[in-house]
Protein backbone atom coordinates (compact mmCIF):
# COMPACT_ATOMS: atom_id res chain seq x y z
CA ARG A 1 0.41 -0.10 0.10
CA ASP A 2 2.68 2.80 0.75
CA ALA A 3 4.71 1.70 -2.63
CA TYR A 4 1.02 2.61 -4.01
CA VAL A 5 0.27 5.91 -2.25
CA GLN A 6 3.66 6.88 -3.19
CA GLY A 7 3.38 6.31 -6.47
CA TYR A 8 -0.08 8.34 -6.72
CA ASP A 9 1.89 11.70 -4.69
CA LEU A 10 4.50 11.70 -7.35
CA ALA A 11 1.86 11.27 -10.68
CA LEU A 12 0.03 14.14 -8.92
CA THR A 13 3.13 15.90 -8.54
CA LEU A 14 4.46 14.70 -12.22
CA TYR A 15 7.45 13.96 -10.29
CA PRO A 16 9.67 10.67 -12.10
CA GLY A 17 9.54 7.76 -10.43
CA ALA A 18 5.60 7.26 -10.28
CA VAL A 19 5.87 4.11 -12.77
CA GLU A 20 8.14 2.35 -10.60
CA ALA A 21 6.73 3.08 -7.22
CA PHE A 22 3.48 1.23 -9.02
CA ASP A 23 5.67 -1.45 -10.10
CA ARG A 24 6.00 -1.98 -6.35
CA ALA A 25 3.17 -2.52 -5.50
CA LEU A 26 2.19 -5.00 -7.69
CA THR A 27 5.22 -6.81 -7.19
CA ALA A 28 3.50 -6.80 -3.56
CA ASP A 29 -0.43 -7.59 -4.68
CA PRO A 30 -0.51 -8.37 -8.96
CA GLY A 31 -4.14 -7.87 -8.23
CA PHE A 32 -3.89 -4.08 -6.51
CA ALA A 33 -6.18 -3.02 -9.95
CA LEU A 34 -6.37 0.73 -8.19
CA ALA A 35 -1.83 0.45 -8.60
CA HIS A 36 -2.66 -0.92 -12.42
CA ALA A 37 -4.60 1.87 -12.92
CA GLY A 38 -2.69 4.55 -11.67
CA LYS A 39 0.35 3.23 -13.25
CA ALA A 40 -2.63 3.49 -16.76
CA GLN A 41 -2.80 6.97 -15.62
CA VAL A 42 1.44 7.78 -15.68
CA LEU A 43 1.65 5.76 -18.99
CA MET A 44 -1.01 7.38 -21.17
CA ARG A 45 -0.07 10.79 -19.33
CA GLU A 46 3.19 9.95 -21.65
CA GLY A 47 1.66 9.17 -24.43
CA LYS A 48 2.17 5.55 -23.68
CA ALA A 49 -0.85 4.05 -25.04
CA ALA A 50 -0.17 0.88 -25.78
CA ALA A 51 2.10 1.09 -22.46
CA ALA A 52 -1.06 2.52 -20.90
CA ARG A 53 -3.48 -0.11 -22.21
CA GLU A 54 -1.70 -2.90 -21.15
CA ALA A 55 -1.88 -2.16 -17.95
CA LEU A 56 -5.91 -1.28 -18.35
CA ALA A 57 -6.09 -4.79 -18.53
CA LEU A 58 -4.59 -6.19 -15.94
CA ALA A 59 -6.82 -4.11 -14.03
CA GLY A 60 -9.41 -6.35 -14.94
CA PHE A 61 -11.48 -3.74 -17.10
CA GLU A 62 -10.64 -2.36 -20.30
CA PRO A 63 -12.94 -0.41 -22.48
CA ALA A 64 -12.73 0.49 -26.06
CA LEU A 65 -11.71 4.09 -27.31
CA PRO A 66 -12.74 5.54 -30.56
CA SER A 67 -10.72 6.06 -32.97
CA GLY A 68 -8.09 8.86 -33.09
CA PRO A 69 -6.52 10.91 -30.88
CA PRO A 70 -5.06 8.47 -26.86
CA PRO A 71 -6.41 10.44 -23.59
CA ASP A 72 -4.73 13.03 -21.79
CA GLU A 73 -6.04 11.83 -18.80
CA VAL A 74 -7.37 8.32 -16.74
CA TYR A 75 -8.96 8.35 -13.50
CA VAL A 76 -10.12 4.75 -11.98
CA VAL A 77 -13.51 5.64 -10.36
CA ASP A 78 -16.06 3.93 -7.87
CA SER A 79 -18.81 2.37 -10.52
CA PRO A 80 -22.35 3.00 -9.21
CA PHE A 81 -21.94 -0.80 -9.45
CA GLY A 82 -19.24 -1.57 -6.74
CA ASP A 83 -16.53 -2.33 -9.31
CA PRO A 84 -14.53 0.61 -10.79
CA GLY A 85 -15.03 2.80 -13.96
CA LEU A 86 -12.92 4.09 -15.56
CA ILE A 87 -12.82 7.66 -16.93
CA TYR A 88 -11.22 9.16 -19.85
CA ALA A 89 -10.25 12.60 -20.64
CA TRP A 90 -8.75 14.34 -23.80
CA ARG A 91 -7.29 17.89 -23.74
CA PRO A 92 -9.56 20.38 -26.20
CA SER A 93 -8.24 20.21 -29.71
CA ALA A 94 -9.67 21.20 -33.24
CA SER A 95 -11.41 17.60 -32.72
CA TYR A 96 -12.66 18.10 -29.47
CA PRO A 97 -14.36 21.81 -28.84
CA THR A 98 -13.55 23.16 -24.88
CA LEU A 99 -16.66 21.19 -22.95
CA PRO A 100 -18.29 24.17 -21.49
CA GLY A 101 -17.61 23.94 -17.80
CA THR A 102 -14.43 21.84 -17.30
CA GLU A 103 -10.87 21.92 -18.38
CA TRP A 104 -11.61 19.33 -21.58
CA GLY A 105 -12.36 19.41 -24.31
CA LEU A 106 -14.03 15.48 -24.31
CA VAL A 107 -14.70 13.21 -21.38
CA LEU A 108 -15.54 9.52 -21.56
CA ILE A 109 -16.75 7.51 -18.62
CA ALA A 110 -16.77 3.80 -19.14
CA PHE A 111 -18.49 1.11 -16.46
CA GLN A 112 -19.31 -2.43 -15.92
CA GLY A 113 -22.99 -2.41 -15.31
CA ASP A 114 -26.63 -1.24 -16.85
CA ASP A 115 -27.26 1.91 -19.01
CA GLU A 116 -30.60 2.22 -17.25
CA THR A 117 -28.86 3.73 -13.89
CA VAL A 118 -27.38 5.54 -15.48
CA VAL A 119 -30.38 7.93 -17.68
CA LYS A 120 -32.17 7.39 -14.74
CA THR A 121 -30.06 9.80 -12.33
CA VAL A 122 -31.42 12.88 -14.76
CA GLN A 123 -33.55 15.43 -13.56
CA ARG A 124 -36.30 15.54 -16.14
CA PHE A 125 -36.69 12.34 -18.11
CA GLU A 126 -38.45 14.65 -21.00
CA ASP A 127 -34.91 15.66 -21.37
CA ILE A 128 -34.07 12.24 -22.80
CA HIS A 129 -33.77 11.16 -26.38
CA ASP A 130 -33.70 7.87 -27.79
CA ALA A 131 -30.25 7.70 -29.75
CA THR A 132 -28.52 4.81 -31.69
CA VAL A 133 -25.55 3.69 -31.82
CA ASN A 134 -24.13 1.07 -33.76
CA GLY A 135 -27.77 -0.07 -34.25
CA GLU A 136 -28.47 -0.29 -30.47
CA ARG A 137 -30.38 1.65 -28.32
CA ALA A 138 -28.56 4.98 -26.97
CA SER A 139 -29.56 7.99 -25.00
CA TRP A 140 -28.71 12.16 -25.99
CA ILE A 141 -29.25 14.29 -23.17
CA PRO A 142 -28.81 17.67 -24.89
CA VAL A 143 -29.29 19.78 -21.11
CA PRO A 144 -26.83 21.27 -19.06
CA HIS A 145 -26.08 18.76 -16.01
CA VAL A 146 -23.93 18.88 -13.34
CA LEU A 147 -21.12 16.30 -13.65
CA GLU A 148 -19.07 14.79 -9.98
CA ILE A 149 -16.49 12.74 -10.24
CA GLU A 150 -14.66 11.32 -6.90
CA THR A 151 -11.41 9.95 -7.58
CA ASP A 152 -8.10 9.07 -5.30
CA ALA A 153 -7.36 12.65 -5.78
CA GLY A 154 -10.27 14.06 -4.58
CA PHE A 155 -13.75 14.51 -5.74
CA GLU A 156 -15.06 17.59 -7.41
CA THR A 157 -18.15 18.99 -8.98
CA PHE A 158 -18.44 20.33 -12.57
CA SER A 159 -21.46 21.81 -14.32
CA VAL A 160 -21.56 21.06 -17.33
CA GLN A 161 -22.87 23.07 -19.92
CA GLY A 162 -22.42 20.12 -22.80
CA ASN A 163 -24.20 17.20 -24.23
CA VAL A 164 -24.14 13.44 -23.17
CA LEU A 165 -24.72 10.40 -25.20
CA ILE A 166 -24.63 7.07 -23.49
CA TRP A 167 -24.89 3.17 -24.90
CA GLU A 168 -24.63 0.33 -23.68
CA VAL A 169 -21.52 -1.51 -25.08
CA ALA A 170 -21.90 -5.32 -23.95
CA ASP A 171 -21.82 -5.35 -20.50
CA VAL A 172 -19.90 -1.91 -20.32
CA THR A 173 -22.09 1.48 -20.37
CA TYR A 174 -20.72 4.59 -21.94
CA ARG A 175 -21.40 8.61 -20.80
CA LEU A 176 -20.07 10.17 -23.80
CA GLU A 177 -19.83 13.79 -21.75
CA THR A 178 -18.93 16.14 -24.90
CA SER A 179 -19.76 19.73 -26.93
CA LEU A 180 -20.21 17.95 -30.31
CA ASP A 181 -23.50 17.80 -31.67
CA ARG A 182 -25.63 14.50 -31.89
CA ALA A 183 -24.26 13.84 -35.36
CA SER A 184 -20.66 13.80 -34.28
CA ALA A 185 -21.02 12.23 -31.13
CA ILE A 186 -22.97 9.20 -32.52
CA ALA A 187 -19.60 9.45 -34.58
CA LEU A 188 -18.11 9.32 -32.19
CA ALA A 189 -19.27 6.20 -30.65
CA GLU A 190 -19.87 4.29 -33.12
CA SER A 191 -15.67 4.22 -33.73
CA THR A 192 -14.92 2.98 -30.80
CA THR A 193 -12.31 -0.20 -30.74
């Protein structure tokens, strides 16, 4: 546990040695999912997407990502179902315009579970519109909303002025927070591999 805490401290302060500290934690407990995910976050930030995906696979949960640039950050969060969820975040770019209310251009939340639970957290059901991703049922929510995220780094609440697309593939539910329009968000969701 001490090596995991040291790894996270180093990752948060951007000092070198975080990957090595996470590796020490994993030597002590090869099944320590949070250490695998912490290592993946550091590797992703260093532009080592393949190594980050390998670390996430070892954590036991590796959702599909949309085509295009790799995410700039990866976070492990508690899902509503008790299993860890993952948040991928991309900085604003020409492809992913700023998501008002956040520092990001795109946020993809993925967890194992049922998309009905995610939709039920919306305040007004009339704000939920039917959509389709790869021929399967999805939900489009084009209204401002609050996004609450809790990670090992702390708890943050964002007042998001963007859109949400929610869909499910196998046992993984995806929630895409974006300022993209509906057609562009669906196209991005359909590009997940």
